[in-house]
């Protein structure tokens, strides 16, 4: 845990963020800035998803294929140990 994440009102909280729409990314970024440990689950890498992307700053990221049983298994393990799960609304 980096020094900026060890302090703040959200220190000690673990959050799993399923990447998607911008509001979820903004929430993850803000909570990370307030001290939470945020783990972002990306579906796949895109050229726009570089380390310099402001909405991804400060978070660890894992790329999972949620259509594969192994990816689902890892996602469930992450969610089981998290205090908070961030996921955007589905289509429609």
PDB file of N, CA and C in Angstrom:
ATOM      1  N   UNK A   1       0.851  -1.159   0.000  1.00  0.00           N
ATOM      2  CA  UNK A   1       0.000   0.000   0.000  1.00  0.00           C
ATOM      3  C   UNK A   1       0.902   1.230   0.000  1.00  0.00           C
ATOM      4  N   UNK A   2       0.662   2.154  -0.895  1.00  0.00           N
ATOM      5  CA  UNK A   2       1.476   3.360  -0.951  1.00  0.00           C
ATOM      6  C   UNK A   2       1.092   4.298   0.173  1.00  0.00           C
ATOM      7  N   UNK A   3       1.970   5.274   0.436  1.00  0.00           N
ATOM      8  CA  UNK A   3       1.770   6.178   1.562  1.00  0.00           C
ATOM      9  C   UNK A   3       0.454   6.942   1.469  1.00  0.00           C
ATOM     10  N   UNK A   4       0.078   7.411   0.247  1.00  0.00           N
ATOM     11  CA  UNK A   4      -1.155   8.191   0.142  1.00  0.00           C
ATOM     12  C   UNK A   4      -2.399   7.344   0.374  1.00  0.00           C
ATOM     13  N   UNK A   5      -2.287   6.040   0.204  1.00  0.00           N
ATOM     14  CA  UNK A   5      -3.442   5.183   0.409  1.00  0.00           C
ATOM     15  C   UNK A   5      -3.568   4.717   1.854  1.00  0.00           C
ATOM     16  N   UNK A   6      -2.539   4.928   2.678  1.00  0.00           N
ATOM     17  CA  UNK A   6      -2.602   4.442   4.048  1.00  0.00           C
ATOM     18  C   UNK A   6      -3.339   5.405   4.967  1.00  0.00           C
ATOM     19  N   UNK A   7      -3.712   6.581   4.449  1.00  0.00           N
ATOM     20  CA  UNK A   7      -4.398   7.586   5.249  1.00  0.00           C
ATOM     21  C   UNK A   7      -5.654   8.053   4.530  1.00  0.00           C
ATOM     22  N   UNK A   8      -6.528   8.650   5.290  1.00  0.00           N
ATOM     23  CA  UNK A   8      -7.740   9.211   4.713  1.00  0.00           C
ATOM     24  C   UNK A   8      -8.969   8.515   5.245  1.00  0.00           C
ATOM     25  N   UNK A   9     -10.137   9.077   4.955  1.00  0.00           N
ATOM     26  CA  UNK A   9     -11.382   8.535   5.506  1.00  0.00           C
ATOM     27  C   UNK A   9     -11.731   7.142   4.999  1.00  0.00           C
ATOM     28  N   UNK A  10     -11.155   6.735   3.887  1.00  0.00           N
ATOM     29  CA  UNK A  10     -11.454   5.401   3.342  1.00  0.00           C
ATOM     30  C   UNK A  10     -10.336   4.401   3.585  1.00  0.00           C
ATOM     31  N   UNK A  11      -9.329   4.769   4.365  1.00  0.00           N
ATOM     32  CA  UNK A  11      -8.214   3.866   4.652  1.00  0.00           C
ATOM     33  C   UNK A  11      -8.732   2.574   5.269  1.00  0.00           C
ATOM     34  N   UNK A  12      -8.194   1.460   4.820  1.00  0.00           N
ATOM     35  CA  UNK A  12      -8.598   0.159   5.337  1.00  0.00           C
ATOM     36  C   UNK A  12      -9.759  -0.477   4.599  1.00  0.00           C
ATOM     37  N   UNK A  13     -10.329   0.220   3.646  1.00  0.00           N
ATOM     38  CA  UNK A  13     -11.448  -0.316   2.861  1.00  0.00           C
ATOM     39  C   UNK A  13     -10.912  -0.853   1.543  1.00  0.00           C
ATOM     40  N   UNK A  14     -11.344  -2.046   1.172  1.00  0.00           N
ATOM     41  CA  UNK A  14     -10.961  -2.653  -0.105  1.00  0.00           C
ATOM     42  C   UNK A  14     -12.154  -2.587  -1.046  1.00  0.00           C
ATOM     43  N   UNK A  15     -11.907  -2.080  -2.248  1.00  0.00           N
ATOM     44  CA  UNK A  15     -12.957  -1.894  -3.244  1.00  0.00           C
ATOM     45  C   UNK A  15     -12.559  -2.606  -4.519  1.00  0.00           C
ATOM     46  N   UNK A  16     -13.481  -3.347  -5.099  1.00  0.00           N
ATOM     47  CA  UNK A  16     -13.283  -3.936  -6.420  1.00  0.00           C
ATOM     48  C   UNK A  16     -14.163  -3.149  -7.380  1.00  0.00           C
ATOM     49  N   UNK A  17     -13.524  -2.620  -8.405  1.00  0.00           N
ATOM     50  CA  UNK A  17     -14.204  -1.796  -9.406  1.00  0.00           C
ATOM     51  C   UNK A  17     -14.216  -2.540 -10.745  1.00  0.00           C
ATOM     52  N   UNK A  18     -15.393  -2.842 -11.238  1.00  0.00           N
ATOM     53  CA  UNK A  18     -15.503  -3.435 -12.569  1.00  0.00           C
ATOM     54  C   UNK A  18     -15.537  -2.293 -13.575  1.00  0.00           C
ATOM     55  N   UNK A  19     -14.495  -2.211 -14.386  1.00  0.00           N
ATOM     56  CA  UNK A  19     -14.349  -1.098 -15.327  1.00  0.00           C
ATOM     57  C   UNK A  19     -15.539  -1.043 -16.257  1.00  0.00           C
ATOM     58  N   UNK A  20     -15.912   0.147 -16.589  1.00  0.00           N
ATOM     59  CA  UNK A  20     -17.041   0.318 -17.480  1.00  0.00           C
ATOM     60  C   UNK A  20     -17.254   1.776 -17.762  1.00  0.00           C
ATOM     61  N   UNK A  21     -18.421   2.246 -17.417  1.00  0.00           N
ATOM     62  CA  UNK A  21     -18.784   3.625 -17.691  1.00  0.00           C
ATOM     63  C   UNK A  21     -18.005   4.590 -16.804  1.00  0.00           C
ATOM     64  N   UNK A  22     -17.855   5.796 -17.276  1.00  0.00           N
ATOM     65  CA  UNK A  22     -17.052   6.807 -16.593  1.00  0.00           C
ATOM     66  C   UNK A  22     -17.452   7.055 -15.140  1.00  0.00           C
ATOM     67  N   UNK A  23     -18.742   7.104 -14.766  1.00  0.00           N
ATOM     68  CA  UNK A  23     -19.067   7.364 -13.356  1.00  0.00           C
ATOM     69  C   UNK A  23     -18.439   6.357 -12.394  1.00  0.00           C
ATOM     70  N   UNK A  24     -18.340   5.100 -12.783  1.00  0.00           N
ATOM     71  CA  UNK A  24     -17.725   4.080 -11.934  1.00  0.00           C
ATOM     72  C   UNK A  24     -16.230   4.365 -11.802  1.00  0.00           C
ATOM     73  N   UNK A  25     -15.575   4.720 -12.899  1.00  0.00           N
ATOM     74  CA  UNK A  25     -14.151   5.034 -12.858  1.00  0.00           C
ATOM     75  C   UNK A  25     -13.869   6.261 -12.003  1.00  0.00           C
ATOM     76  N   UNK A  26     -14.717   7.261 -12.093  1.00  0.00           N
ATOM     77  CA  UNK A  26     -14.547   8.471 -11.280  1.00  0.00           C
ATOM     78  C   UNK A  26     -14.716   8.120  -9.805  1.00  0.00           C
ATOM     79  N   UNK A  27     -15.714   7.316  -9.472  1.00  0.00           N
ATOM     80  CA  UNK A  27     -15.929   6.902  -8.084  1.00  0.00           C
ATOM     81  C   UNK A  27     -14.707   6.142  -7.559  1.00  0.00           C
ATOM     82  N   UNK A  28     -14.183   5.223  -8.359  1.00  0.00           N
ATOM     83  CA  UNK A  28     -12.988   4.473  -7.955  1.00  0.00           C
ATOM     84  C   UNK A  28     -11.796   5.378  -7.740  1.00  0.00           C
ATOM     85  N   UNK A  29     -11.610   6.353  -8.624  1.00  0.00           N
ATOM     86  CA  UNK A  29     -10.504   7.289  -8.517  1.00  0.00           C
ATOM     87  C   UNK A  29     -10.633   8.120  -7.236  1.00  0.00           C
ATOM     88  N   UNK A  30     -11.832   8.616  -6.955  1.00  0.00           N
ATOM     89  CA  UNK A  30     -12.046   9.433  -5.758  1.00  0.00           C
ATOM     90  C   UNK A  30     -11.849   8.619  -4.476  1.00  0.00           C
ATOM     91  N   UNK A  31     -12.379   7.416  -4.442  1.00  0.00           N
ATOM     92  CA  UNK A  31     -12.229   6.576  -3.255  1.00  0.00           C
ATOM     93  C   UNK A  31     -10.772   6.189  -3.026  1.00  0.00           C
ATOM     94  N   UNK A  32     -10.047   5.938  -4.103  1.00  0.00           N
ATOM     95  CA  UNK A  32      -8.621   5.649  -4.001  1.00  0.00           C
ATOM     96  C   UNK A  32      -7.893   6.859  -3.417  1.00  0.00           C
ATOM     97  N   UNK A  33      -8.253   8.042  -3.875  1.00  0.00           N
ATOM     98  CA  UNK A  33      -7.647   9.261  -3.367  1.00  0.00           C
ATOM     99  C   UNK A  33      -7.945   9.512  -1.904  1.00  0.00           C
ATOM    100  N   UNK A  34      -9.015   8.907  -1.397  1.00  0.00           N
ATOM    101  CA  UNK A  34      -9.368   9.056   0.016  1.00  0.00           C
ATOM    102  C   UNK A  34      -8.809   7.920   0.865  1.00  0.00           C
ATOM    103  N   UNK A  35      -7.942   7.091   0.273  1.00  0.00           N
ATOM    104  CA  UNK A  35      -7.235   6.080   1.049  1.00  0.00           C
ATOM    105  C   UNK A  35      -7.657   4.644   0.846  1.00  0.00           C
ATOM    106  N   UNK A  36      -8.712   4.379   0.093  1.00  0.00           N
ATOM    107  CA  UNK A  36      -9.161   2.998  -0.113  1.00  0.00           C
ATOM    108  C   UNK A  36      -8.210   2.256  -1.046  1.00  0.00           C
ATOM    109  N   UNK A  37      -8.122   0.958  -0.852  1.00  0.00           N
ATOM    110  CA  UNK A  37      -7.402   0.108  -1.799  1.00  0.00           C
ATOM    111  C   UNK A  37      -8.411  -0.266  -2.876  1.00  0.00           C
ATOM    112  N   UNK A  38      -8.181   0.184  -4.105  1.00  0.00           N
ATOM    113  CA  UNK A  38      -9.111  -0.068  -5.202  1.00  0.00           C
ATOM    114  C   UNK A  38      -8.435  -0.983  -6.214  1.00  0.00           C
ATOM    115  N   UNK A  39      -9.088  -2.098  -6.518  1.00  0.00           N
ATOM    116  CA  UNK A  39      -8.609  -3.037  -7.524  1.00  0.00           C
ATOM    117  C   UNK A  39      -9.573  -2.965  -8.694  1.00  0.00           C
ATOM    118  N   UNK A  40      -9.072  -2.549  -9.831  1.00  0.00           N
ATOM    119  CA  UNK A  40      -9.903  -2.372 -11.021  1.00  0.00           C
ATOM    120  C   UNK A  40      -9.858  -3.651 -11.865  1.00  0.00           C
ATOM    121  N   UNK A  41     -11.019  -4.158 -12.245  1.00  0.00           N
ATOM    122  CA  UNK A  41     -11.113  -5.337 -13.109  1.00  0.00           C
ATOM    123  C   UNK A  41     -11.437  -4.851 -14.516  1.00  0.00           C
ATOM    124  N   UNK A  42     -10.467  -5.018 -15.420  1.00  0.00           N
ATOM    125  CA  UNK A  42     -10.652  -4.638 -16.818  1.00  0.00           C
ATOM    126  C   UNK A  42     -10.980  -5.878 -17.627  1.00  0.00           C
ATOM    127  N   UNK A  43     -11.802  -5.697 -18.654  1.00  0.00           N
ATOM    128  CA  UNK A  43     -12.170  -6.822 -19.512  1.00  0.00           C
ATOM    129  C   UNK A  43     -11.064  -7.162 -20.495  1.00  0.00           C
ATOM    130  N   UNK A  44     -10.413  -6.158 -21.026  1.00  0.00           N
ATOM    131  CA  UNK A  44      -9.274  -6.367 -21.932  1.00  0.00           C
ATOM    132  C   UNK A  44      -8.547  -5.038 -22.059  1.00  0.00           C
ATOM    133  N   UNK A  45      -7.322  -5.110 -22.518  1.00  0.00           N
ATOM    134  CA  UNK A  45      -6.531  -3.895 -22.677  1.00  0.00           C
ATOM    135  C   UNK A  45      -6.929  -3.170 -23.953  1.00  0.00           C
ATOM    136  N   UNK A  46      -7.015  -1.868 -23.864  1.00  0.00           N
ATOM    137  CA  UNK A  46      -7.269  -1.001 -25.010  1.00  0.00           C
ATOM    138  C   UNK A  46      -6.129   0.005 -25.086  1.00  0.00           C
ATOM    139  N   UNK A  47      -5.814   0.510 -26.275  1.00  0.00           N
ATOM    140  CA  UNK A  47      -4.761   1.518 -26.368  1.00  0.00           C
ATOM    141  C   UNK A  47      -5.034   2.740 -25.485  1.00  0.00           C
ATOM    142  N   UNK A  48      -6.288   3.088 -25.276  1.00  0.00           N
ATOM    143  CA  UNK A  48      -6.636   4.252 -24.442  1.00  0.00           C
ATOM    144  C   UNK A  48      -6.429   3.971 -22.960  1.00  0.00           C
ATOM    145  N   UNK A  49      -6.304   2.699 -22.579  1.00  0.00           N
ATOM    146  CA  UNK A  49      -6.163   2.326 -21.170  1.00  0.00           C
ATOM    147  C   UNK A  49      -4.706   2.272 -20.741  1.00  0.00           C
ATOM    148  N   UNK A  50      -3.964   3.311 -21.000  1.00  0.00           N
ATOM    149  CA  UNK A  50      -2.558   3.343 -20.626  1.00  0.00           C
ATOM    150  C   UNK A  50      -2.419   3.814 -19.192  1.00  0.00           C
ATOM    151  N   UNK A  51      -1.221   3.667 -18.641  1.00  0.00           N
ATOM    152  CA  UNK A  51      -0.978   4.079 -17.257  1.00  0.00           C
ATOM    153  C   UNK A  51      -1.218   5.569 -17.069  1.00  0.00           C
ATOM    154  N   UNK A  52      -1.123   6.356 -18.137  1.00  0.00           N
ATOM    155  CA  UNK A  52      -1.334   7.788 -18.036  1.00  0.00           C
ATOM    156  C   UNK A  52      -2.791   8.199 -17.999  1.00  0.00           C
ATOM    157  N   UNK A  53      -3.698   7.267 -18.191  1.00  0.00           N
ATOM    158  CA  UNK A  53      -5.123   7.575 -18.168  1.00  0.00           C
ATOM    159  C   UNK A  53      -5.505   8.038 -16.762  1.00  0.00           C
ATOM    160  N   UNK A  54      -5.954   9.266 -16.639  1.00  0.00           N
ATOM    161  CA  UNK A  54      -6.259   9.880 -15.341  1.00  0.00           C
ATOM    162  C   UNK A  54      -7.271   9.069 -14.540  1.00  0.00           C
ATOM    163  N   UNK A  55      -8.264   8.493 -15.183  1.00  0.00           N
ATOM    164  CA  UNK A  55      -9.301   7.764 -14.454  1.00  0.00           C
ATOM    165  C   UNK A  55      -8.802   6.458 -13.852  1.00  0.00           C
ATOM    166  N   UNK A  56      -7.607   5.996 -14.248  1.00  0.00           N
ATOM    167  CA  UNK A  56      -7.052   4.751 -13.706  1.00  0.00           C
ATOM    168  C   UNK A  56      -5.993   4.993 -12.653  1.00  0.00           C
ATOM    169  N   UNK A  57      -5.652   6.217 -12.368  1.00  0.00           N
ATOM    170  CA  UNK A  57      -4.505   6.507 -11.502  1.00  0.00           C
ATOM    171  C   UNK A  57      -4.684   5.966 -10.088  1.00  0.00           C
ATOM    172  N   UNK A  58      -3.583   5.481  -9.547  1.00  0.00           N
ATOM    173  CA  UNK A  58      -3.546   5.036  -8.163  1.00  0.00           C
ATOM    174  C   UNK A  58      -4.114   3.662  -7.881  1.00  0.00           C
ATOM    175  N   UNK A  59      -4.628   2.990  -8.890  1.00  0.00           N
ATOM    176  CA  UNK A  59      -5.269   1.691  -8.652  1.00  0.00           C
ATOM    177  C   UNK A  59      -4.489   0.560  -9.286  1.00  0.00           C
ATOM    178  N   UNK A  60      -4.562  -0.577  -8.644  1.00  0.00           N
ATOM    179  CA  UNK A  60      -4.057  -1.794  -9.278  1.00  0.00           C
ATOM    180  C   UNK A  60      -5.118  -2.252 -10.257  1.00  0.00           C
ATOM    181  N   UNK A  61      -4.689  -2.960 -11.271  1.00  0.00           N
ATOM    182  CA  UNK A  61      -5.623  -3.414 -12.290  1.00  0.00           C
ATOM    183  C   UNK A  61      -5.323  -4.863 -12.657  1.00  0.00           C
ATOM    184  N   UNK A  62      -6.378  -5.600 -12.926  1.00  0.00           N
ATOM    185  CA  UNK A  62      -6.248  -6.971 -13.399  1.00  0.00           C
ATOM    186  C   UNK A  62      -7.173  -7.114 -14.612  1.00  0.00           C
ATOM    187  N   UNK A  63      -6.686  -7.791 -15.650  1.00  0.00           N
ATOM    188  CA  UNK A  63      -7.494  -8.034 -16.846  1.00  0.00           C
ATOM    189  C   UNK A  63      -8.052  -9.442 -16.751  1.00  0.00           C
ATOM    190  N   UNK A  64      -9.389  -9.557 -16.797  1.00  0.00           N
ATOM    191  CA  UNK A  64     -10.048 -10.861 -16.705  1.00  0.00           C
ATOM    192  C   UNK A  64     -11.006 -11.052 -17.860  1.00  0.00           C
ATOM    193  N   UNK A  65     -11.095 -12.294 -18.341  1.00  0.00           N
ATOM    194  CA  UNK A  65     -12.099 -12.672 -19.329  1.00  0.00           C
ATOM    195  C   UNK A  65     -13.277 -13.240 -18.544  1.00  0.00           C
ATOM    196  N   UNK A  66     -14.327 -12.438 -18.385  1.00  0.00           N
ATOM    197  CA  UNK A  66     -15.463 -12.859 -17.572  1.00  0.00           C
ATOM    198  C   UNK A  66     -16.380 -13.838 -18.292  1.00  0.00           C
ATOM    199  N   UNK A  67     -16.029 -14.208 -19.514  1.00  0.00           N
ATOM    200  CA  UNK A  67     -16.765 -15.258 -20.224  1.00  0.00           C
ATOM    201  C   UNK A  67     -16.070 -16.606 -20.074  1.00  0.00           C
ATOM    202  N   UNK A  68     -14.950 -16.622 -19.376  1.00  0.00           N
ATOM    203  CA  UNK A  68     -14.181 -17.839 -19.137  1.00  0.00           C
ATOM    204  C   UNK A  68     -14.308 -18.218 -17.661  1.00  0.00           C
ATOM    205  N   UNK A  69     -14.507 -19.503 -17.348  1.00  0.00           N
ATOM    206  CA  UNK A  69     -14.683 -19.912 -15.948  1.00  0.00           C
ATOM    207  C   UNK A  69     -13.547 -19.468 -15.032  1.00  0.00           C
ATOM    208  N   UNK A  70     -12.319 -19.469 -15.529  1.00  0.00           N
ATOM    209  CA  UNK A  70     -11.188 -19.030 -14.704  1.00  0.00           C
ATOM    210  C   UNK A  70     -11.288 -17.558 -14.347  1.00  0.00           C
ATOM    211  N   UNK A  71     -11.694 -16.735 -15.300  1.00  0.00           N
ATOM    212  CA  UNK A  71     -11.868 -15.307 -15.047  1.00  0.00           C
ATOM    213  C   UNK A  71     -12.981 -15.041 -14.052  1.00  0.00           C
ATOM    214  N   UNK A  72     -14.059 -15.784 -14.174  1.00  0.00           N
ATOM    215  CA  UNK A  72     -15.192 -15.648 -13.245  1.00  0.00           C
ATOM    216  C   UNK A  72     -14.761 -16.053 -11.839  1.00  0.00           C
ATOM    217  N   UNK A  73     -13.990 -17.121 -11.735  1.00  0.00           N
ATOM    218  CA  UNK A  73     -13.508 -17.596 -10.435  1.00  0.00           C
ATOM    219  C   UNK A  73     -12.667 -16.517  -9.729  1.00  0.00           C
ATOM    220  N   UNK A  74     -11.759 -15.904 -10.475  1.00  0.00           N
ATOM    221  CA  UNK A  74     -10.916 -14.856  -9.894  1.00  0.00           C
ATOM    222  C   UNK A  74     -11.767 -13.652  -9.489  1.00  0.00           C
ATOM    223  N   UNK A  75     -12.711 -13.256 -10.337  1.00  0.00           N
ATOM    224  CA  UNK A  75     -13.584 -12.123 -10.021  1.00  0.00           C
ATOM    225  C   UNK A  75     -14.388 -12.388  -8.754  1.00  0.00           C
ATOM    226  N   UNK A  76     -14.879 -13.598  -8.594  1.00  0.00           N
ATOM    227  CA  UNK A  76     -15.644 -13.943  -7.382  1.00  0.00           C
ATOM    228  C   UNK A  76     -14.774 -13.893  -6.142  1.00  0.00           C
ATOM    229  N   UNK A  77     -13.525 -14.346  -6.255  1.00  0.00           N
ATOM    230  CA  UNK A  77     -12.608 -14.288  -5.106  1.00  0.00           C
ATOM    231  C   UNK A  77     -12.315 -12.847  -4.713  1.00  0.00           C
ATOM    232  N   UNK A  78     -12.091 -11.996  -5.720  1.00  0.00           N
ATOM    233  CA  UNK A  78     -11.853 -10.583  -5.434  1.00  0.00           C
ATOM    234  C   UNK A  78     -13.070  -9.958  -4.751  1.00  0.00           C
ATOM    235  N   UNK A  79     -14.248 -10.230  -5.290  1.00  0.00           N
ATOM    236  CA  UNK A  79     -15.478  -9.659  -4.725  1.00  0.00           C
ATOM    237  C   UNK A  79     -15.732 -10.160  -3.301  1.00  0.00           C
ATOM    238  N   UNK A  80     -15.395 -11.408  -3.031  1.00  0.00           N
ATOM    239  CA  UNK A  80     -15.639 -11.979  -1.701  1.00  0.00           C
ATOM    240  C   UNK A  80     -14.793 -11.311  -0.625  1.00  0.00           C
ATOM    241  N   UNK A  81     -13.616 -10.829  -0.982  1.00  0.00           N
ATOM    242  CA  UNK A  81     -12.759 -10.193   0.027  1.00  0.00           C
ATOM    243  C   UNK A  81     -12.916  -8.677   0.073  1.00  0.00           C
ATOM    244  N   UNK A  82     -13.716  -8.137  -0.822  1.00  0.00           N
ATOM    245  CA  UNK A  82     -13.902  -6.678  -0.886  1.00  0.00           C
ATOM    246  C   UNK A  82     -14.966  -6.209   0.101  1.00  0.00           C
ATOM    247  N   UNK A  83     -14.801  -4.969   0.533  1.00  0.00           N
ATOM    248  CA  UNK A  83     -15.813  -4.327   1.357  1.00  0.00           C
ATOM    249  C   UNK A  83     -16.880  -3.675   0.484  1.00  0.00           C
ATOM    250  N   UNK A  84     -16.472  -3.250  -0.723  1.00  0.00           N
ATOM    251  CA  UNK A  84     -17.369  -2.544  -1.640  1.00  0.00           C
ATOM    252  C   UNK A  84     -17.135  -3.065  -3.050  1.00  0.00           C
ATOM    253  N   UNK A  85     -18.213  -3.171  -3.822  1.00  0.00           N
ATOM    254  CA  UNK A  85     -18.127  -3.561  -5.227  1.00  0.00           C
ATOM    255  C   UNK A  85     -18.723  -2.441  -6.055  1.00  0.00           C
ATOM    256  N   UNK A  86     -17.952  -1.933  -7.009  1.00  0.00           N
ATOM    257  CA  UNK A  86     -18.427  -0.877  -7.911  1.00  0.00           C
ATOM    258  C   UNK A  86     -18.638  -1.473  -9.283  1.00  0.00           C
ATOM    259  N   UNK A  87     -19.847  -1.324  -9.803  1.00  0.00           N
ATOM    260  CA  UNK A  87     -20.175  -1.812 -11.139  1.00  0.00           C
ATOM    261  C   UNK A  87     -21.225  -0.884 -11.739  1.00  0.00           C
ATOM    262  N   UNK A  88     -21.029  -0.536 -12.978  1.00  0.00           N
ATOM    263  CA  UNK A  88     -21.990   0.329 -13.650  1.00  0.00           C
ATOM    264  C   UNK A  88     -23.240  -0.433 -14.058  1.00  0.00           C
ATOM    265  N   UNK A  89     -24.263   0.291 -14.439  1.00  0.00           N
ATOM    266  CA  UNK A  89     -25.505  -0.359 -14.885  1.00  0.00           C
ATOM    267  C   UNK A  89     -25.297  -1.090 -16.203  1.00  0.00           C
ATOM    268  N   UNK A  90     -26.054  -2.135 -16.405  1.00  0.00           N
ATOM    269  CA  UNK A  90     -26.003  -2.877 -17.650  1.00  0.00           C
ATOM    270  C   UNK A  90     -26.737  -2.131 -18.761  1.00  0.00           C
ATOM    271  N   UNK A  91     -26.675  -2.665 -19.966  1.00  0.00           N
ATOM    272  CA  UNK A  91     -27.366  -2.021 -21.074  1.00  0.00           C
ATOM    273  C   UNK A  91     -28.875  -1.888 -20.794  1.00  0.00           C
ATOM    274  N   UNK A  92     -29.436  -0.769 -21.204  1.00  0.00           N
ATOM    275  CA  UNK A  92     -30.881  -0.550 -21.065  1.00  0.00           C
ATOM    276  C   UNK A  92     -31.233  -0.148 -19.677  1.00  0.00           C
TER     277      UNK A  92
END
